[in-house]
Amino acid sequence: MAEIKMLCGSLPDMPWQDKPEGCTSPLWRYSENPIIDRNPLPNVARIFNSAVIPYEGAYVGVFRGEQKDGVSHIYFGRSKDALHWEFDPEKIPFKDENGNDFQPVYAYDPRLVKVEDTYYTMWCQDMYGAAIGMAKTKDFKSFTRVENPFLPFNRNAVLFPRKIGGNFVMLSRPSDSGHTPFGDIFISESKDMEFWGKHRHVMGRSSNWWESLKIGGGAAPIETDKGWLIFYHGVCNTCNGYVYSIGGAILDINEPSRVLHRSSFYLLTPETWYEERGFVQNVCFPCATLQDADTGRIALYYGCADSYVSVAFTTVQEVYDYILAHDNASDDDKSLGRR
């Protein structure tokens, strides 16, 4: 296989464990998973489906906190090693552009991406239906909400970590009011983070059983010299309910609505107790990565069974080789996604 390199910064102190002997998966689980257990705060029953990022020599994150009244909100956390976390006891106090309190009715499944000098967090919220909420910060001391990018119904939004062609670029998953089969990944662009357009289809569910019901964006795309590496979730329906697995694909670097390669095999599927057993069983839900360009190492953060946060490891070369070895990108995947 061809050599691949990540076009990102160095992160030599990121979490890492070598691949266990005998492991045949392209992703391997941290031996101390889950890294966040149940009841992490007095009023929060579970933290899961959350995102982390390096910041000032340590790590910070935005976390989905399912409160004990059953309503999800976003909490802020800090860590020295990206494995052991401390959380603010109250949910993030979002403000509007004028500095007034502006809390979402509920908020869940946040992502966190740095673009230029600003950190953006995206989440799913109520805007007269499930829709994408967004906020920005430069210091993690105050979070200012920006306009919702899309109409309901939409979920699983994640920004690319740099502008493409001078525009902000974001993946999302238009849907409807429920957790139904309708769900393909689309891409949209904006010059100002307020008005979004140039919508393109990226890829949809496939005939592969593990992603035959719906798919959705996961961690922020990782820039490489072979294209954008994305980790996403694929869902199938069984006689015992939905199963969420993790897939991988490579998108064109300049036209990311074009899929260059897409693995027909999942990269990770629920197999351990903390993935199979929880508030919602059988869920591996990717939300963030940490990566080091010098070593090619990647740490993938994912929610487990709507109850825990865990970490899996890989290298960019290993996951790229695996995607190419099981490449099943269709002609529609490879198209511009415009009709």
C-alpha atoms as a PDB file:
ATOM      1  CA  MET A   1       0.000   0.000   0.000  1.00  0.00           C
ATOM      2  CA  ALA A   2       1.069   3.600  -0.560  1.00  0.00           C
ATOM      3  CA  GLU A   3       2.501   5.561   2.358  1.00  0.00           C
ATOM      4  CA  ILE A   4       0.173   8.127   3.901  1.00  0.00           C
ATOM      5  CA  LYS A   5       0.987  11.099   6.124  1.00  0.00           C
ATOM      6  CA  MET A   6      -1.242  13.294   8.264  1.00  0.00           C
ATOM      7  CA  LEU A   7      -0.994  17.040   7.628  1.00  0.00           C
ATOM      8  CA  CYS A   8      -1.472  18.179  11.193  1.00  0.00           C
ATOM      9  CA  GLY A   9       0.635  19.226  14.139  1.00  0.00           C
ATOM     10  CA  SER A  10       2.711  17.233  16.587  1.00  0.00           C
ATOM     11  CA  LEU A  11       1.108  15.852  19.742  1.00  0.00           C
ATOM     12  CA  PRO A  12       3.799  13.689  21.339  1.00  0.00           C
ATOM     13  CA  ASP A  13       2.061  13.314  24.732  1.00  0.00           C
ATOM     14  CA  MET A  14      -1.274  12.082  23.358  1.00  0.00           C
ATOM     15  CA  PRO A  15      -2.664   8.858  24.861  1.00  0.00           C
ATOM     16  CA  TRP A  16      -1.302   5.703  23.296  1.00  0.00           C
ATOM     17  CA  GLN A  17      -1.099   1.929  23.677  1.00  0.00           C
ATOM     18  CA  ASP A  18       0.612  -0.393  21.240  1.00  0.00           C
ATOM     19  CA  LYS A  19      -1.512  -2.867  19.337  1.00  0.00           C
ATOM     20  CA  PRO A  20      -2.021  -6.055  21.364  1.00  0.00           C
ATOM     21  CA  GLU A  21      -0.483  -9.224  20.014  1.00  0.00           C
ATOM     22  CA  GLY A  22      -2.996 -11.215  18.001  1.00  0.00           C
ATOM     23  CA  CYS A  23      -5.343  -8.266  17.408  1.00  0.00           C
ATOM     24  CA  THR A  24      -6.696  -8.343  13.843  1.00  0.00           C
ATOM     25  CA  SER A  25      -8.804  -5.183  14.023  1.00  0.00           C
ATOM     26  CA  PRO A  26      -7.571  -1.884  12.545  1.00  0.00           C
ATOM     27  CA  LEU A  27      -8.715  -0.190  15.790  1.00  0.00           C
ATOM     28  CA  TRP A  28      -7.780  -1.559  19.195  1.00  0.00           C
ATOM     29  CA  ARG A  29      -9.379  -0.612  22.505  1.00  0.00           C
ATOM     30  CA  TYR A  30      -7.629   1.041  25.429  1.00  0.00           C
ATOM     31  CA  SER A  31      -7.131  -1.579  28.115  1.00  0.00           C
ATOM     32  CA  GLU A  32      -8.560   0.725  30.823  1.00  0.00           C
ATOM     33  CA  ASN A  33     -11.837   1.488  29.025  1.00  0.00           C
ATOM     34  CA  PRO A  34     -14.224   3.047  29.751  1.00  0.00           C
ATOM     35  CA  ILE A  35     -12.384   6.235  30.677  1.00  0.00           C
ATOM     36  CA  ILE A  36     -15.584   7.956  31.911  1.00  0.00           C
ATOM     37  CA  ASP A  37     -17.967   5.913  34.022  1.00  0.00           C
ATOM     38  CA  ARG A  38     -21.555   6.461  35.154  1.00  0.00           C
ATOM     39  CA  ASN A  39     -22.624   9.202  37.592  1.00  0.00           C
ATOM     40  CA  PRO A  40     -19.626  11.492  36.937  1.00  0.00           C
ATOM     41  CA  LEU A  41     -21.339  14.500  38.576  1.00  0.00           C
ATOM     42  CA  PRO A  42     -24.009  14.784  41.288  1.00  0.00           C
ATOM     43  CA  ASN A  43     -26.744  15.738  38.797  1.00  0.00           C
ATOM     44  CA  VAL A  44     -25.476  13.789  35.783  1.00  0.00           C
ATOM     45  CA  ALA A  45     -26.231  10.111  35.330  1.00  0.00           C
ATOM     46  CA  ARG A  46     -24.064   9.460  32.255  1.00  0.00           C
ATOM     47  CA  ILE A  47     -21.523  11.182  30.026  1.00  0.00           C
ATOM     48  CA  PHE A  48     -21.105   9.794  26.494  1.00  0.00           C
ATOM     49  CA  ASN A  49     -20.849  10.845  22.821  1.00  0.00           C
ATOM     50  CA  SER A  50     -18.394  13.652  23.623  1.00  0.00           C
ATOM     51  CA  ALA A  51     -15.466  15.470  22.001  1.00  0.00           C
ATOM     52  CA  VAL A  52     -11.961  16.470  23.143  1.00  0.00           C
ATOM     53  CA  ILE A  53      -9.161  18.657  21.782  1.00  0.00           C
ATOM     54  CA  PRO A  54      -5.618  19.746  22.779  1.00  0.00           C
ATOM     55  CA  TYR A  55      -5.389  23.136  24.466  1.00  0.00           C
ATOM     56  CA  GLU A  56      -2.461  24.978  26.085  1.00  0.00           C
ATOM     57  CA  GLY A  57      -0.372  21.904  26.784  1.00  0.00           C
ATOM     58  CA  ALA A  58      -3.268  19.883  28.144  1.00  0.00           C
ATOM     59  CA  TYR A  59      -6.732  18.857  26.931  1.00  0.00           C
ATOM     60  CA  VAL A  60     -10.280  20.166  27.115  1.00  0.00           C
ATOM     61  CA  GLY A  61     -13.583  18.765  25.976  1.00  0.00           C
ATOM     62  CA  VAL A  62     -17.313  19.264  25.537  1.00  0.00           C
ATOM     63  CA  PHE A  63     -19.330  16.440  26.990  1.00  0.00           C
ATOM     64  CA  ARG A  64     -22.870  15.189  26.614  1.00  0.00           C
ATOM     65  CA  GLY A  65     -24.195  15.031  30.149  1.00  0.00           C
ATOM     66  CA  GLU A  66     -27.463  13.180  30.504  1.00  0.00           C
ATOM     67  CA  GLN A  67     -28.927  14.784  33.621  1.00  0.00           C
ATOM     68  CA  LYS A  68     -30.904  12.834  36.174  1.00  0.00           C
ATOM     69  CA  ASP A  69     -34.089  14.438  34.877  1.00  0.00           C
ATOM     70  CA  GLY A  70     -33.358  12.746  31.528  1.00  0.00           C
ATOM     71  CA  VAL A  71     -32.461  15.945  29.651  1.00  0.00           C
ATOM     72  CA  SER A  72     -29.056  16.209  27.950  1.00  0.00           C
ATOM     73  CA  HIS A  73     -26.896  19.331  28.156  1.00  0.00           C
ATOM     74  CA  ILE A  74     -23.269  20.096  27.351  1.00  0.00           C
ATOM     75  CA  TYR A  75     -20.665  20.176  30.102  1.00  0.00           C
ATOM     76  CA  PHE A  76     -17.058  21.356  29.986  1.00  0.00           C
ATOM     77  CA  GLY A  77     -14.139  19.189  31.081  1.00  0.00           C
ATOM     78  CA  ARG A  78     -10.358  19.410  31.516  1.00  0.00           C
ATOM     79  CA  SER A  79      -7.614  16.811  31.581  1.00  0.00           C
ATOM     80  CA  LYS A  80      -3.838  16.695  31.788  1.00  0.00           C
ATOM     81  CA  ASP A  81      -3.539  13.376  29.947  1.00  0.00           C
ATOM     82  CA  ALA A  82      -6.828  13.149  27.941  1.00  0.00           C
ATOM     83  CA  LEU A  83      -7.773  10.050  29.919  1.00  0.00           C
ATOM     84  CA  HIS A  84      -8.634  11.287  33.413  1.00  0.00           C
ATOM     85  CA  TRP A  85     -11.187  14.088  33.364  1.00  0.00           C
ATOM     86  CA  GLU A  86     -12.532  16.743  35.691  1.00  0.00           C
ATOM     87  CA  PHE A  87     -15.840  18.419  34.850  1.00  0.00           C
ATOM     88  CA  ASP A  88     -17.418  21.735  35.697  1.00  0.00           C
ATOM     89  CA  PRO A  89     -20.409  20.947  37.938  1.00  0.00           C
ATOM     90  CA  GLU A  90     -22.845  23.051  35.897  1.00  0.00           C
ATOM     91  CA  LYS A  91     -23.619  22.920  32.187  1.00  0.00           C
ATOM     92  CA  ILE A  92     -21.881  25.395  29.877  1.00  0.00           C
ATOM     93  CA  PRO A  93     -23.554  28.851  30.207  1.00  0.00           C
ATOM     94  CA  PHE A  94     -24.015  29.792  26.559  1.00  0.00           C
ATOM     95  CA  LYS A  95     -24.540  33.452  25.603  1.00  0.00           C
ATOM     96  CA  ASP A  96     -25.883  35.124  22.477  1.00  0.00           C
ATOM     97  CA  GLU A  97     -23.959  37.694  20.431  1.00  0.00           C
ATOM     98  CA  ASN A  98     -25.104  40.444  22.813  1.00  0.00           C
ATOM     99  CA  GLY A  99     -23.922  38.638  25.922  1.00  0.00           C
ATOM    100  CA  ASN A 100     -27.369  37.510  27.075  1.00  0.00           C
ATOM    101  CA  ASP A 101     -28.035  34.032  28.426  1.00  0.00           C
ATOM    102  CA  PHE A 102     -29.042  31.726  25.584  1.00  0.00           C
ATOM    103  CA  GLN A 103     -29.316  28.133  26.708  1.00  0.00           C
ATOM    104  CA  PRO A 104     -30.567  25.409  24.364  1.00  0.00           C
ATOM    105  CA  VAL A 105     -33.672  23.518  25.497  1.00  0.00           C
ATOM    106  CA  TYR A 106     -31.516  20.418  25.338  1.00  0.00           C
ATOM    107  CA  ALA A 107     -28.190  19.627  23.658  1.00  0.00           C
ATOM    108  CA  TYR A 108     -26.480  16.360  22.850  1.00  0.00           C
ATOM    109  CA  ASP A 109     -23.678  14.659  20.895  1.00  0.00           C
ATOM    110  CA  PRO A 110     -21.301  17.665  20.712  1.00  0.00           C
ATOM    111  CA  ARG A 111     -18.272  17.934  18.461  1.00  0.00           C
ATOM    112  CA  LEU A 112     -15.369  20.331  18.969  1.00  0.00           C
ATOM    113  CA  VAL A 113     -13.192  21.623  16.111  1.00  0.00           C
ATOM    114  CA  LYS A 114     -10.591  24.379  15.844  1.00  0.00           C
ATOM    115  CA  VAL A 115     -10.689  26.437  12.635  1.00  0.00           C
ATOM    116  CA  GLU A 116      -7.968  29.088  12.442  1.00  0.00           C
ATOM    117  CA  ASP A 117      -7.946  30.851  15.854  1.00  0.00           C
ATOM    118  CA  THR A 118     -11.447  29.858  16.988  1.00  0.00           C
ATOM    119  CA  TYR A 119     -12.906  26.729  18.561  1.00  0.00           C
ATOM    120  CA  TYR A 120     -16.381  25.731  17.411  1.00  0.00           C
ATOM    121  CA  THR A 121     -18.692  23.286  19.117  1.00  0.00           C
ATOM    122  CA  MET A 122     -21.684  21.775  17.309  1.00  0.00           C
ATOM    123  CA  TRP A 123     -24.488  19.738  18.817  1.00  0.00           C
ATOM    124  CA  CYS A 124     -28.019  18.539  18.174  1.00  0.00           C
ATOM    125  CA  GLN A 125     -30.754  20.549  19.864  1.00  0.00           C
ATOM    126  CA  ASP A 126     -34.427  21.514  19.653  1.00  0.00           C
ATOM    127  CA  MET A 127     -35.200  24.280  17.164  1.00  0.00           C
ATOM    128  CA  TYR A 128     -38.852  23.339  16.683  1.00  0.00           C
ATOM    129  CA  GLY A 129     -37.475  19.932  15.801  1.00  0.00           C
ATOM    130  CA  ALA A 130     -34.066  18.300  15.929  1.00  0.00           C
ATOM    131  CA  ALA A 131     -31.540  20.769  14.492  1.00  0.00           C
ATOM    132  CA  ILE A 132     -27.886  21.775  14.689  1.00  0.00           C
ATOM    133  CA  GLY A 133     -26.776  24.257  17.345  1.00  0.00           C
ATOM    134  CA  MET A 134     -23.362  25.940  17.292  1.00  0.00           C
ATOM    135  CA  ALA A 135     -21.192  28.099  19.510  1.00  0.00           C
ATOM    136  CA  LYS A 136     -17.677  29.545  19.385  1.00  0.00           C
ATOM    137  CA  THR A 137     -14.936  30.347  21.863  1.00  0.00           C
ATOM    138  CA  LYS A 138     -11.300  31.358  21.860  1.00  0.00           C
ATOM    139  CA  ASP A 139     -10.501  30.773  25.517  1.00  0.00           C
ATOM    140  CA  PHE A 140     -13.030  28.192  26.820  1.00  0.00           C
ATOM    141  CA  LYS A 141     -14.089  30.751  29.404  1.00  0.00           C
ATOM    142  CA  SER A 142     -17.085  32.017  27.437  1.00  0.00           C
ATOM    143  CA  PHE A 143     -19.106  30.372  24.677  1.00  0.00           C
ATOM    144  CA  THR A 144     -21.057  32.521  22.210  1.00  0.00           C
ATOM    145  CA  ARG A 145     -23.796  30.883  20.205  1.00  0.00           C
ATOM    146  CA  VAL A 146     -23.947  31.540  16.473  1.00  0.00           C
ATOM    147  CA  GLU A 147     -26.936  31.169  14.187  1.00  0.00           C
ATOM    148  CA  ASN A 148     -28.248  27.646  13.637  1.00  0.00           C
ATOM    149  CA  PRO A 149     -26.841  26.604  10.250  1.00  0.00           C
ATOM    150  CA  PHE A 150     -29.763  24.508   8.991  1.00  0.00           C
ATOM    151  CA  LEU A 151     -33.497  24.013   9.310  1.00  0.00           C
ATOM    152  CA  PRO A 152     -34.863  21.014  11.178  1.00  0.00           C
ATOM    153  CA  PHE A 153     -34.403  18.158  10.888  1.00  0.00           C
ATOM    154  CA  ASN A 154     -30.667  17.563  11.047  1.00  0.00           C
ATOM    155  CA  ARG A 155     -28.061  15.856  13.233  1.00  0.00           C
ATOM    156  CA  ASN A 156     -24.389  14.848  13.380  1.00  0.00           C
ATOM    157  CA  ALA A 157     -22.763  18.103  12.256  1.00  0.00           C
ATOM    158  CA  VAL A 158     -18.979  18.379  12.227  1.00  0.00           C
ATOM    159  CA  LEU A 159     -16.733  21.079  10.776  1.00  0.00           C
ATOM    160  CA  PHE A 160     -13.619  20.482   8.736  1.00  0.00           C
ATOM    161  CA  PRO A 161     -10.544  21.805  10.609  1.00  0.00           C
ATOM    162  CA  ARG A 162      -9.664  24.323   7.911  1.00  0.00           C
ATOM    163  CA  LYS A 163     -11.421  26.289   5.209  1.00  0.00           C
ATOM    164  CA  ILE A 164     -11.588  24.774   1.731  1.00  0.00           C
ATOM    165  CA  GLY A 165     -11.651  27.216  -1.180  1.00  0.00           C
ATOM    166  CA  GLY A 166     -11.991  30.067   1.318  1.00  0.00           C
ATOM    167  CA  ASN A 167     -15.167  28.646   2.885  1.00  0.00           C
ATOM    168  CA  PHE A 168     -16.037  26.908   6.112  1.00  0.00           C
ATOM    169  CA  VAL A 169     -17.124  23.348   5.318  1.00  0.00           C
ATOM    170  CA  MET A 170     -19.360  21.128   7.429  1.00  0.00           C
ATOM    171  CA  LEU A 171     -20.724  17.606   7.288  1.00  0.00           C
ATOM    172  CA  SER A 172     -24.252  16.965   8.518  1.00  0.00           C
ATOM    173  CA  ARG A 173     -26.947  14.311   8.375  1.00  0.00           C
ATOM    174  CA  PRO A 174     -30.397  15.612   7.355  1.00  0.00           C
ATOM    175  CA  SER A 175     -33.090  13.415   8.827  1.00  0.00           C
ATOM    176  CA  ASP A 176     -36.656  13.678  10.019  1.00  0.00           C
ATOM    177  CA  SER A 177     -38.272  13.958  13.422  1.00  0.00           C
ATOM    178  CA  GLY A 178     -37.334  10.462  14.580  1.00  0.00           C
ATOM    179  CA  HIS A 179     -34.566   7.875  14.501  1.00  0.00           C
ATOM    180  CA  THR A 180     -35.668   6.528  11.141  1.00  0.00           C
ATOM    181  CA  PRO A 181     -33.858   5.018   8.140  1.00  0.00           C
ATOM    182  CA  PHE A 182     -33.551   8.351   6.315  1.00  0.00           C
ATOM    183  CA  GLY A 183     -29.991   9.485   6.898  1.00  0.00           C
ATOM    184  CA  ASP A 184     -27.153  10.203   4.460  1.00  0.00           C
ATOM    185  CA  ILE A 185     -24.095  12.386   4.996  1.00  0.00           C
ATOM    186  CA  PHE A 186     -24.155  15.744   3.184  1.00  0.00           C
ATOM    187  CA  ILE A 187     -21.650  18.585   2.992  1.00  0.00           C
ATOM    188  CA  SER A 188     -22.324  22.341   3.047  1.00  0.00           C
ATOM    189  CA  GLU A 189     -20.238  25.514   2.752  1.00  0.00           C
ATOM    190  CA  SER A 190     -20.345  28.999   4.259  1.00  0.00           C
ATOM    191  CA  LYS A 191     -18.288  32.165   3.814  1.00  0.00           C
ATOM    192  CA  ASP A 192     -19.320  33.646   7.157  1.00  0.00           C
ATOM    193  CA  MET A 193     -20.558  30.806   9.418  1.00  0.00           C
ATOM    194  CA  GLU A 194     -24.053  32.281   9.112  1.00  0.00           C
ATOM    195  CA  PHE A 195     -25.386  31.511   5.641  1.00  0.00           C
ATOM    196  CA  TRP A 196     -24.874  27.968   4.352  1.00  0.00           C
ATOM    197  CA  GLY A 197     -25.224  26.591   0.841  1.00  0.00           C
ATOM    198  CA  LYS A 198     -23.561  24.623  -1.960  1.00  0.00           C
ATOM    199  CA  HIS A 199     -25.037  21.473  -0.424  1.00  0.00           C
ATOM    200  CA  ARG A 200     -23.649  18.204  -1.790  1.00  0.00           C
ATOM    201  CA  HIS A 201     -24.343  14.550  -1.080  1.00  0.00           C
ATOM    202  CA  VAL A 202     -21.276  12.734   0.254  1.00  0.00           C
ATOM    203  CA  MET A 203     -22.456   9.172   0.851  1.00  0.00           C
ATOM    204  CA  GLY A 204     -25.433   7.177   2.026  1.00  0.00           C
ATOM    205  CA  ARG A 205     -26.257   3.884   3.650  1.00  0.00           C
ATOM    206  CA  SER A 206     -24.985   0.842   1.800  1.00  0.00           C
ATOM    207  CA  SER A 207     -25.700  -2.833   1.292  1.00  0.00           C
ATOM    208  CA  ASN A 208     -23.136  -3.661   3.996  1.00  0.00           C
ATOM    209  CA  TRP A 209     -25.203  -4.955   6.918  1.00  0.00           C
ATOM    210  CA  TRP A 210     -23.537  -2.778   9.567  1.00  0.00           C
ATOM    211  CA  GLU A 211     -24.481   0.480   7.754  1.00  0.00           C
ATOM    212  CA  SER A 212     -27.617  -0.653   5.944  1.00  0.00           C
ATOM    213  CA  LEU A 213     -30.080   1.537   7.908  1.00  0.00           C
ATOM    214  CA  LYS A 214     -28.364   4.938   8.169  1.00  0.00           C
ATOM    215  CA  ILE A 215     -24.993   6.617   8.619  1.00  0.00           C
ATOM    216  CA  GLY A 216     -23.763   9.837  10.215  1.00  0.00           C
ATOM    217  CA  GLY A 217     -20.658  11.949  10.632  1.00  0.00           C
ATOM    218  CA  GLY A 218     -18.367  11.312  13.581  1.00  0.00           C
ATOM    219  CA  ALA A 219     -14.991  12.843  14.403  1.00  0.00           C
ATOM    220  CA  ALA A 220     -13.652  15.919  12.609  1.00  0.00           C
ATOM    221  CA  PRO A 221     -11.982  14.957   9.315  1.00  0.00           C
ATOM    222  CA  ILE A 222      -8.220  14.431   9.499  1.00  0.00           C
ATOM    223  CA  GLU A 223      -6.214  16.003   6.674  1.00  0.00           C
ATOM    224  CA  THR A 224      -3.709  13.688   4.981  1.00  0.00           C
ATOM    225  CA  ASP A 225      -1.685  13.786   1.783  1.00  0.00           C
ATOM    226  CA  LYS A 226      -4.130  11.241   0.332  1.00  0.00           C
ATOM    227  CA  GLY A 227      -7.342  13.079   1.244  1.00  0.00           C
ATOM    228  CA  TRP A 228      -9.565  13.620   4.278  1.00  0.00           C
ATOM    229  CA  LEU A 229      -9.764  10.627   6.611  1.00  0.00           C
ATOM    230  CA  ILE A 230     -13.163  10.395   8.294  1.00  0.00           C
ATOM    231  CA  PHE A 231     -14.509   8.102  10.983  1.00  0.00           C
ATOM    232  CA  TYR A 232     -18.300   7.849  10.882  1.00  0.00           C
ATOM    233  CA  HIS A 233     -21.036   5.718  12.401  1.00  0.00           C
ATOM    234  CA  GLY A 234     -23.112   3.169  10.545  1.00  0.00           C
ATOM    235  CA  VAL A 235     -26.350   1.690  11.873  1.00  0.00           C
ATOM    236  CA  CYS A 236     -28.175  -1.553  11.205  1.00  0.00           C
ATOM    237  CA  ASN A 237     -31.476  -2.816  12.568  1.00  0.00           C
ATOM    238  CA  THR A 238     -31.736  -6.217  14.221  1.00  0.00           C
ATOM    239  CA  CYS A 239     -34.459  -8.176  15.965  1.00  0.00           C
ATOM    240  CA  ASN A 240     -33.003  -6.766  19.198  1.00  0.00           C
ATOM    241  CA  GLY A 241     -32.744  -3.122  18.093  1.00  0.00           C
ATOM    242  CA  TYR A 242     -30.223  -0.825  16.422  1.00  0.00           C
ATOM    243  CA  VAL A 243     -26.473  -1.525  16.363  1.00  0.00           C
ATOM    244  CA  TYR A 244     -24.019   1.381  15.913  1.00  0.00           C
ATOM    245  CA  SER A 245     -20.592   0.576  14.433  1.00  0.00           C
ATOM    246  CA  ILE A 246     -17.652   2.725  13.313  1.00  0.00           C
ATOM    247  CA  GLY A 247     -16.638   2.998   9.659  1.00  0.00           C
ATOM    248  CA  GLY A 248     -13.918   4.797   7.746  1.00  0.00           C
ATOM    249  CA  ALA A 249     -13.541   6.579   4.404  1.00  0.00           C
ATOM    250  CA  ILE A 250     -11.221   8.902   2.489  1.00  0.00           C
ATOM    251  CA  LEU A 251     -12.646  12.053   0.875  1.00  0.00           C
ATOM    252  CA  ASP A 252     -11.099  14.133  -1.909  1.00  0.00           C
ATOM    253  CA  ILE A 253      -8.941  16.884  -0.447  1.00  0.00           C
ATOM    254  CA  ASN A 254     -10.368  19.707  -2.585  1.00  0.00           C
ATOM    255  CA  GLU A 255     -13.837  18.310  -3.332  1.00  0.00           C
ATOM    256  CA  PRO A 256     -14.730  16.429  -0.143  1.00  0.00           C
ATOM    257  CA  SER A 257     -18.187  15.533  -1.461  1.00  0.00           C
ATOM    258  CA  ARG A 258     -16.304  12.940  -3.534  1.00  0.00           C
ATOM    259  CA  VAL A 259     -15.518   9.694  -1.704  1.00  0.00           C
ATOM    260  CA  LEU A 260     -12.233   8.218  -2.887  1.00  0.00           C
ATOM    261  CA  HIS A 261     -12.265   5.079  -0.726  1.00  0.00           C
ATOM    262  CA  ARG A 262     -14.768   3.563   1.676  1.00  0.00           C
ATOM    263  CA  SER A 263     -14.346   0.404   3.728  1.00  0.00           C
ATOM    264  CA  SER A 264     -17.018  -2.240   3.256  1.00  0.00           C
ATOM    265  CA  PHE A 265     -15.975  -3.678   6.631  1.00  0.00           C
ATOM    266  CA  TYR A 266     -16.580  -1.811   9.889  1.00  0.00           C
ATOM    267  CA  LEU A 267     -13.526  -0.669  11.830  1.00  0.00           C
ATOM    268  CA  LEU A 268     -15.086  -1.289  15.255  1.00  0.00           C
ATOM    269  CA  THR A 269     -18.408  -2.790  16.345  1.00  0.00           C
ATOM    270  CA  PRO A 270     -19.893  -3.445  19.814  1.00  0.00           C
ATOM    271  CA  GLU A 271     -18.111  -6.447  21.317  1.00  0.00           C
ATOM    272  CA  THR A 272     -17.221  -5.535  24.916  1.00  0.00           C
ATOM    273  CA  TRP A 273     -19.516  -5.242  27.931  1.00  0.00           C
ATOM    274  CA  TYR A 274     -19.340  -1.427  27.987  1.00  0.00           C
ATOM    275  CA  GLU A 275     -20.324  -1.243  24.286  1.00  0.00           C
ATOM    276  CA  GLU A 276     -23.007  -3.917  24.383  1.00  0.00           C
ATOM    277  CA  ARG A 277     -24.593  -3.193  27.756  1.00  0.00           C
ATOM    278  CA  GLY A 278     -25.880   0.188  28.925  1.00  0.00           C
ATOM    279  CA  PHE A 279     -28.734   2.658  28.720  1.00  0.00           C
ATOM    280  CA  VAL A 280     -28.887   2.017  24.963  1.00  0.00           C
ATOM    281  CA  GLN A 281     -27.261  -1.290  24.106  1.00  0.00           C
ATOM    282  CA  ASN A 282     -24.860  -2.003  21.232  1.00  0.00           C
ATOM    283  CA  VAL A 283     -23.480   1.471  20.470  1.00  0.00           C
ATOM    284  CA  CYS A 284     -20.015   2.592  19.313  1.00  0.00           C
ATOM    285  CA  PHE A 285     -20.411   6.298  18.421  1.00  0.00           C
ATOM    286  CA  PRO A 286     -17.260   8.190  17.265  1.00  0.00           C
ATOM    287  CA  CYS A 287     -17.017  11.901  18.137  1.00  0.00           C
ATOM    288  CA  ALA A 288     -13.371  13.019  18.224  1.00  0.00           C
ATOM    289  CA  THR A 289      -9.757  12.119  17.531  1.00  0.00           C
ATOM    290  CA  LEU A 290      -6.356  13.158  18.768  1.00  0.00           C
ATOM    291  CA  GLN A 291      -3.473  12.627  16.349  1.00  0.00           C
ATOM    292  CA  ASP A 292       0.271  13.106  16.074  1.00  0.00           C
ATOM    293  CA  ALA A 293       1.714  13.719  12.603  1.00  0.00           C
ATOM    294  CA  ASP A 294       5.226  12.665  13.620  1.00  0.00           C
ATOM    295  CA  THR A 295       4.289   9.111  14.616  1.00  0.00           C
ATOM    296  CA  GLY A 296       1.044   8.709  12.653  1.00  0.00           C
ATOM    297  CA  ARG A 297      -0.783   7.784  15.850  1.00  0.00           C
ATOM    298  CA  ILE A 298      -4.532   8.351  16.263  1.00  0.00           C
ATOM    299  CA  ALA A 299      -6.662   8.086  19.403  1.00  0.00           C
ATOM    300  CA  LEU A 300     -10.388   7.836  18.650  1.00  0.00           C
ATOM    301  CA  TYR A 301     -12.901   8.866  21.333  1.00  0.00           C
ATOM    302  CA  TYR A 302     -16.274   7.192  21.138  1.00  0.00           C
ATOM    303  CA  GLY A 303     -19.450   6.878  23.161  1.00  0.00           C
ATOM    304  CA  CYS A 304     -20.448   3.433  24.378  1.00  0.00           C
ATOM    305  CA  ALA A 305     -24.012   2.219  24.928  1.00  0.00           C
ATOM    306  CA  ASP A 306     -25.150   5.794  25.731  1.00  0.00           C
ATOM    307  CA  SER A 307     -23.451   5.292  29.104  1.00  0.00           C
ATOM    308  CA  TYR A 308     -19.651   5.646  28.838  1.00  0.00           C
ATOM    309  CA  VAL A 309     -16.750   7.242  26.966  1.00  0.00           C
ATOM    310  CA  SER A 310     -13.944   5.043  25.656  1.00  0.00           C
ATOM    311  CA  VAL A 311     -10.807   5.314  23.512  1.00  0.00           C
ATOM    312  CA  ALA A 312      -9.487   3.173  20.679  1.00  0.00           C
ATOM    313  CA  PHE A 313      -6.136   3.476  18.923  1.00  0.00           C
ATOM    314  CA  THR A 314      -4.784   3.090  15.413  1.00  0.00           C
ATOM    315  CA  THR A 315      -2.223   4.609  13.073  1.00  0.00           C
ATOM    316  CA  VAL A 316      -3.068   6.529   9.939  1.00  0.00           C
ATOM    317  CA  GLN A 317      -1.162   3.965   7.878  1.00  0.00           C
ATOM    318  CA  GLU A 318      -2.970   0.997   9.388  1.00  0.00           C
ATOM    319  CA  VAL A 319      -6.448   2.423   8.979  1.00  0.00           C
ATOM    320  CA  TYR A 320      -5.683   3.681   5.459  1.00  0.00           C
ATOM    321  CA  ASP A 321      -4.366   0.263   4.396  1.00  0.00           C
ATOM    322  CA  TYR A 322      -7.462  -1.376   5.881  1.00  0.00           C
ATOM    323  CA  ILE A 323      -9.855   0.957   4.069  1.00  0.00           C
ATOM    324  CA  LEU A 324      -8.078   0.358   0.757  1.00  0.00           C
ATOM    325  CA  ALA A 325      -7.947  -3.403   1.290  1.00  0.00           C
ATOM    326  CA  HIS A 326     -11.739  -3.453   1.750  1.00  0.00           C
ATOM    327  CA  ASP A 327     -12.602  -0.544  -0.536  1.00  0.00           C
ATOM    328  CA  ASN A 328     -16.165  -0.656  -1.834  1.00  0.00           C
ATOM    329  CA  ALA A 329     -16.810   2.993  -2.788  1.00  0.00           C
ATOM    330  CA  SER A 330     -19.615   3.136  -5.329  1.00  0.00           C
ATOM    331  CA  ASP A 331     -19.868   5.295  -8.438  1.00  0.00           C
ATOM    332  CA  ASP A 332     -22.370   7.448  -6.572  1.00  0.00           C
ATOM    333  CA  ASP A 333     -19.909   7.848  -3.678  1.00  0.00           C
ATOM    334  CA  LYS A 334     -17.256   9.017  -6.124  1.00  0.00           C
ATOM    335  CA  SER A 335     -19.518  11.565  -7.807  1.00  0.00           C
ATOM    336  CA  LEU A 336     -19.673  15.273  -6.946  1.00  0.00           C
ATOM    337  CA  GLY A 337     -22.969  14.685  -5.145  1.00  0.00           C
ATOM    338  CA  ARG A 338     -24.889  17.317  -7.084  1.00  0.00           C
ATOM    339  CA  ARG A 339     -28.175  16.652  -8.906  1.00  0.00           C
END
